[in-house]
Amino acid sequence: MDGKKTPRGKRGWKTFYAVLKGMILYLQKDEYKPEKALSEEDLKNAISVHHALAIKAVDYEKKPNVLKLKTADWRVFLFQAQSPEEMDSWIRKINSVAAMFSAPSFPAAIGSQKKFSRPLLPATTTRMSQEEQLKSHEAKLKHVSTELAEHRSYPPDKKVKAKEIDEYRLKEHYLEFEENRYEMYVKLLKEGVKELLSGKDGDAGLKKSQSSPSLNQESQPAAAKVKRNTSERKDYRPETPKVT
């Protein structure tokens, strides 16, 4: 976990109205009204869901109906819905938006350094059709699965430095997460997410949900800066479940 933890006394959960518009998840203190313009506070609390993955937070047992949202830059947010059905609806809609509209990732950087670094993921909207998007995700899934198998076939020697072992595990976790993410995207696109997302103005708005306080404070761009009303942390643990 990066950064400093928020003191325990400041970790209480707060209630928000969450609205998904395009690839942006807005957390609002007041009930969502389509005719009302977004405030500066709404923009500051915005979370981009491009290349993100939402799952049930199976490792969090303090509250029911909690979902975990992992973003493209590997920040993690916890949200509590009012029911299991609402939680599942949020998970499906967030993943569907990410699957449909996330632009293809940039090619991996080529360098002589041994240190592993994750490829950059563009925040722009894809220009592909749904069929082309599906083929792109399928190709990426195949590539990542092959790379993960090759990575696991050459584990580090026990005599190497701890730093090299950490690098190996970090890359393995990254590839596992990417494999699960693309499996989810392919699954949703094959099922046909257009029907799920059809609605007025294409917005996926749900009722009140809750988010936990920030676990660490990091400098973020104004449009994505997260305050103490959401849970934010860097996640390196391979807990993401397989898509079934």
Protein backbone atom coordinates (compact mmCIF):
# COMPACT_ATOMS: atom_id res chain seq x y z
CA MET A 1 0.00 0.00 0.00
CA ASP A 2 1.41 3.38 -0.97
CA GLY A 3 1.15 6.61 0.98
CA LYS A 4 0.03 7.30 4.52
CA LYS A 5 -3.04 5.74 6.05
CA THR A 6 -5.89 7.96 7.11
CA PRO A 7 -6.30 7.91 10.93
CA ARG A 8 -8.92 5.43 12.11
CA GLY A 9 -11.15 8.18 13.46
CA LYS A 10 -11.54 9.61 9.96
CA ARG A 11 -12.44 6.40 8.14
CA GLY A 12 -16.21 6.54 8.62
CA TRP A 13 -18.32 5.76 5.56
CA LYS A 14 -20.31 8.58 3.96
CA THR A 15 -23.36 8.47 1.71
CA PHE A 16 -23.28 9.68 -1.89
CA TYR A 17 -25.42 9.54 -5.00
CA ALA A 18 -23.31 7.82 -7.65
CA VAL A 19 -23.99 8.54 -11.32
CA LEU A 20 -22.21 6.90 -14.25
CA LYS A 21 -22.10 9.20 -17.27
CA GLY A 22 -20.03 7.92 -20.18
CA MET A 23 -16.77 6.63 -18.71
CA ILE A 24 -16.93 8.90 -15.65
CA LEU A 25 -18.36 7.92 -12.27
CA TYR A 26 -19.54 11.00 -10.36
CA LEU A 27 -20.04 10.96 -6.59
CA GLN A 28 -22.59 13.59 -5.58
CA LYS A 29 -23.87 14.65 -2.17
CA ASP A 30 -27.27 15.62 -3.58
CA GLU A 31 -29.71 13.47 -5.51
CA TYR A 32 -28.96 13.35 -9.23
CA LYS A 33 -31.02 15.66 -11.46
CA PRO A 34 -30.39 15.49 -15.24
CA GLU A 35 -31.12 19.19 -15.72
CA LYS A 36 -28.66 20.28 -13.02
CA ALA A 37 -25.12 21.15 -14.12
CA LEU A 38 -22.20 19.39 -12.45
CA SER A 39 -20.60 21.38 -9.65
CA GLU A 40 -16.89 21.87 -9.08
CA GLU A 41 -17.14 19.42 -6.18
CA ASP A 42 -18.72 16.81 -8.47
CA LEU A 43 -15.85 17.16 -10.93
CA LYS A 44 -13.27 16.80 -8.16
CA ASN A 45 -14.91 13.57 -6.99
CA ALA A 46 -15.07 12.09 -10.50
CA ILE A 47 -13.53 8.68 -11.17
CA SER A 48 -12.69 7.50 -14.68
CA VAL A 49 -13.63 3.87 -15.32
CA HIS A 50 -11.66 3.39 -18.55
CA HIS A 51 -9.88 0.02 -18.44
CA ALA A 52 -11.30 -0.51 -14.94
CA LEU A 53 -12.66 -3.67 -13.34
CA ALA A 54 -15.40 -3.87 -10.72
CA ILE A 55 -15.88 -7.00 -8.62
CA LYS A 56 -17.52 -8.00 -5.36
CA ALA A 57 -15.18 -7.15 -2.48
CA VAL A 58 -14.91 -10.70 -1.15
CA ASP A 59 -11.96 -9.73 1.07
CA TYR A 60 -13.96 -7.01 2.87
CA GLU A 61 -16.30 -8.42 5.53
CA LYS A 62 -17.16 -5.39 7.69
CA LYS A 63 -20.15 -4.38 5.55
CA PRO A 64 -22.48 -6.22 3.15
CA ASN A 65 -22.97 -5.48 -0.57
CA VAL A 66 -19.53 -3.90 -1.04
CA LEU A 67 -17.97 -3.75 -4.48
CA LYS A 68 -14.34 -3.04 -5.30
CA LEU A 69 -13.45 -0.82 -8.23
CA LYS A 70 -9.89 -1.02 -9.52
CA THR A 71 -8.97 1.74 -11.97
CA ALA A 72 -6.50 1.88 -14.85
CA ASP A 73 -3.82 3.34 -12.57
CA TRP A 74 -4.50 0.63 -9.97
CA ARG A 75 -6.25 2.76 -7.42
CA VAL A 76 -8.87 0.82 -5.46
CA PHE A 77 -12.24 2.17 -4.33
CA LEU A 78 -14.80 0.45 -2.11
CA PHE A 79 -18.52 1.18 -2.53
CA GLN A 80 -21.45 -0.19 -0.57
CA ALA A 81 -24.79 -0.62 -2.34
CA GLN A 82 -28.17 -0.95 -0.64
CA SER A 83 -28.76 -4.53 -1.76
CA PRO A 84 -26.99 -7.46 -3.47
CA GLU A 85 -29.02 -6.74 -6.62
CA GLU A 86 -27.91 -3.12 -6.73
CA MET A 87 -24.29 -4.15 -6.13
CA ASP A 88 -24.46 -6.64 -9.01
CA SER A 89 -26.06 -3.99 -11.21
CA TRP A 90 -23.26 -1.52 -10.49
CA ILE A 91 -20.59 -4.14 -11.17
CA ARG A 92 -22.14 -5.12 -14.48
CA LYS A 93 -22.71 -1.56 -15.68
CA ILE A 94 -19.23 -0.32 -14.79
CA ASN A 95 -17.58 -3.31 -16.46
CA SER A 96 -19.85 -2.98 -19.49
CA VAL A 97 -18.94 0.67 -20.00
CA ALA A 98 -15.24 -0.15 -19.64
CA ALA A 99 -15.54 -3.06 -22.08
CA MET A 100 -17.43 -1.08 -24.72
CA PHE A 101 -15.63 2.25 -24.67
CA SER A 102 -12.02 1.76 -23.47
CA ALA A 103 -9.56 2.49 -26.28
CA PRO A 104 -6.86 -0.12 -27.07
CA SER A 105 -3.82 0.05 -24.80
CA PHE A 106 -0.55 1.55 -26.02
CA PRO A 107 2.27 -0.82 -27.03
CA ALA A 108 4.57 -1.76 -24.15
CA ALA A 109 7.67 0.39 -23.82
CA ILE A 110 10.94 -1.12 -25.02
CA GLY A 111 13.96 -0.60 -22.81
CA SER A 112 16.97 -2.25 -21.25
CA GLN A 113 15.79 -1.87 -17.66
CA LYS A 114 14.76 -5.06 -15.86
CA LYS A 115 12.27 -3.23 -13.65
CA PHE A 116 8.70 -4.04 -14.62
CA SER A 117 6.38 -1.18 -15.47
CA ARG A 118 2.74 -1.36 -16.52
CA PRO A 119 1.83 -0.11 -20.03
CA LEU A 120 -0.03 3.19 -20.28
CA LEU A 121 -3.79 2.89 -20.79
CA PRO A 122 -5.45 5.71 -22.78
CA ALA A 123 -8.45 7.48 -21.24
CA THR A 124 -9.91 8.27 -24.67
CA THR A 125 -12.99 6.57 -26.10
CA THR A 126 -12.45 3.82 -28.64
CA ARG A 127 -13.33 4.44 -32.28
CA MET A 128 -13.96 0.77 -32.94
CA SER A 129 -17.32 -0.82 -33.57
CA GLN A 130 -18.60 -3.28 -30.97
CA GLU A 131 -17.52 -6.19 -33.18
CA GLU A 132 -14.03 -4.72 -33.64
CA GLN A 133 -13.83 -4.01 -29.91
CA LEU A 134 -14.65 -7.63 -29.13
CA LYS A 135 -11.96 -8.90 -31.51
CA SER A 136 -9.45 -6.49 -29.96
CA HIS A 137 -10.25 -7.72 -26.44
CA GLU A 138 -10.06 -11.36 -27.55
CA ALA A 139 -6.64 -10.78 -29.12
CA LYS A 140 -5.43 -8.99 -25.99
CA LEU A 141 -6.76 -11.80 -23.78
CA LYS A 142 -4.91 -14.40 -25.83
CA HIS A 143 -1.69 -12.37 -25.72
CA VAL A 144 -1.88 -11.78 -21.95
CA SER A 145 -2.69 -15.44 -21.22
CA THR A 146 0.31 -16.56 -23.28
CA GLU A 147 2.58 -14.05 -21.59
CA LEU A 148 1.37 -15.15 -18.15
CA ALA A 149 2.06 -18.81 -18.95
CA GLU A 150 5.56 -17.95 -20.18
CA HIS A 151 6.19 -15.79 -17.12
CA ARG A 152 5.23 -18.62 -14.77
CA SER A 153 7.42 -21.10 -16.63
CA TYR A 154 10.53 -19.14 -15.58
CA PRO A 155 10.18 -18.45 -11.84
CA PRO A 156 13.07 -16.64 -10.14
CA ASP A 157 15.75 -18.64 -8.42
CA LYS A 158 15.48 -18.66 -4.64
CA LYS A 159 19.01 -17.27 -4.44
CA VAL A 160 18.22 -14.02 -6.26
CA LYS A 161 17.68 -10.74 -4.46
CA ALA A 162 14.34 -10.05 -2.78
CA LYS A 163 13.82 -7.08 -5.10
CA GLU A 164 13.90 -9.34 -8.16
CA ILE A 165 11.36 -11.68 -6.57
CA ASP A 166 9.10 -8.70 -5.86
CA GLU A 167 9.39 -7.63 -9.50
CA TYR A 168 8.45 -11.14 -10.62
CA ARG A 169 5.39 -11.20 -8.35
CA LEU A 170 4.31 -7.72 -9.39
CA LYS A 171 4.39 -8.66 -13.06
CA GLU A 172 2.57 -11.91 -12.34
CA HIS A 173 -0.16 -10.06 -10.45
CA TYR A 174 -0.45 -7.53 -13.28
CA LEU A 175 -0.84 -10.28 -15.88
CA GLU A 176 -3.38 -12.13 -13.71
CA PHE A 177 -5.42 -8.97 -13.32
CA GLU A 178 -5.26 -8.19 -17.05
CA GLU A 179 -6.31 -11.73 -17.91
CA ASN A 180 -9.32 -11.48 -15.58
CA ARG A 181 -10.20 -8.01 -16.86
CA TYR A 182 -10.18 -9.03 -20.52
CA GLU A 183 -12.07 -12.24 -19.73
CA MET A 184 -14.79 -10.06 -18.20
CA TYR A 185 -14.80 -7.65 -21.16
CA VAL A 186 -15.04 -10.48 -23.71
CA LYS A 187 -17.82 -12.17 -21.73
CA LEU A 188 -19.89 -8.98 -21.55
CA LEU A 189 -19.43 -8.04 -25.20
CA LYS A 190 -20.43 -11.53 -26.29
CA GLU A 191 -23.57 -11.24 -24.18
CA GLY A 192 -24.38 -7.92 -25.82
CA VAL A 193 -24.04 -4.97 -23.46
CA LYS A 194 -25.94 -2.52 -25.66
CA GLU A 195 -29.23 -3.76 -24.25
CA LEU A 196 -27.92 -3.30 -20.71
CA LEU A 197 -26.77 0.24 -21.33
CA SER A 198 -29.77 1.42 -23.33
CA GLY A 199 -31.61 4.19 -21.55
CA LYS A 200 -32.22 7.90 -21.53
CA ASP A 201 -29.07 9.84 -22.47
CA GLY A 202 -27.08 6.60 -22.06
CA ASP A 203 -26.63 7.32 -18.34
CA ALA A 204 -26.37 4.52 -15.83
CA GLY A 205 -27.71 6.17 -12.70
CA LEU A 206 -28.47 4.24 -9.53
CA LYS A 207 -29.79 5.20 -6.15
CA LYS A 208 -27.70 6.06 -3.14
CA SER A 209 -24.55 4.08 -2.55
CA GLN A 210 -21.83 4.47 0.03
CA SER A 211 -18.08 4.83 -0.28
CA SER A 212 -15.39 4.48 2.34
CA PRO A 213 -12.80 7.13 3.31
CA SER A 214 -9.43 7.58 1.67
CA LEU A 215 -6.71 5.30 2.98
CA ASN A 216 -3.93 7.41 1.53
CA GLN A 217 -3.56 10.85 0.05
CA GLU A 218 -1.83 11.16 -3.32
CA SER A 219 -1.46 14.05 -5.70
CA GLN A 220 -3.94 13.54 -8.56
CA PRO A 221 -5.16 15.69 -11.47
CA ALA A 222 -8.04 17.97 -10.45
CA ALA A 223 -10.65 15.98 -12.37
CA ALA A 224 -9.68 12.73 -10.65
CA LYS A 225 -8.55 13.89 -7.21
CA VAL A 226 -10.14 11.80 -4.49
CA LYS A 227 -10.86 13.24 -1.09
CA ARG A 228 -11.51 11.45 2.19
CA ASN A 229 -14.92 10.22 1.16
CA THR A 230 -13.68 7.29 -0.93
CA SER A 231 -11.31 4.43 -0.31
CA GLU A 232 -8.15 4.83 -2.35
CA ARG A 233 -5.10 2.64 -2.24
CA LYS A 234 -2.62 0.98 -4.53
CA ASP A 235 -3.41 -2.69 -4.84
CA TYR A 236 -0.83 -5.35 -5.63
CA ARG A 237 -2.60 -8.38 -4.18
CA PRO A 238 -3.70 -11.15 -6.58
CA GLU A 239 -7.21 -11.47 -5.17
CA THR A 240 -9.18 -10.87 -8.37
CA PRO A 241 -11.40 -13.90 -9.02
CA LYS A 242 -11.65 -15.71 -12.32
CA VAL A 243 -14.58 -14.95 -14.60
CA THR A 244 -17.05 -17.82 -14.76
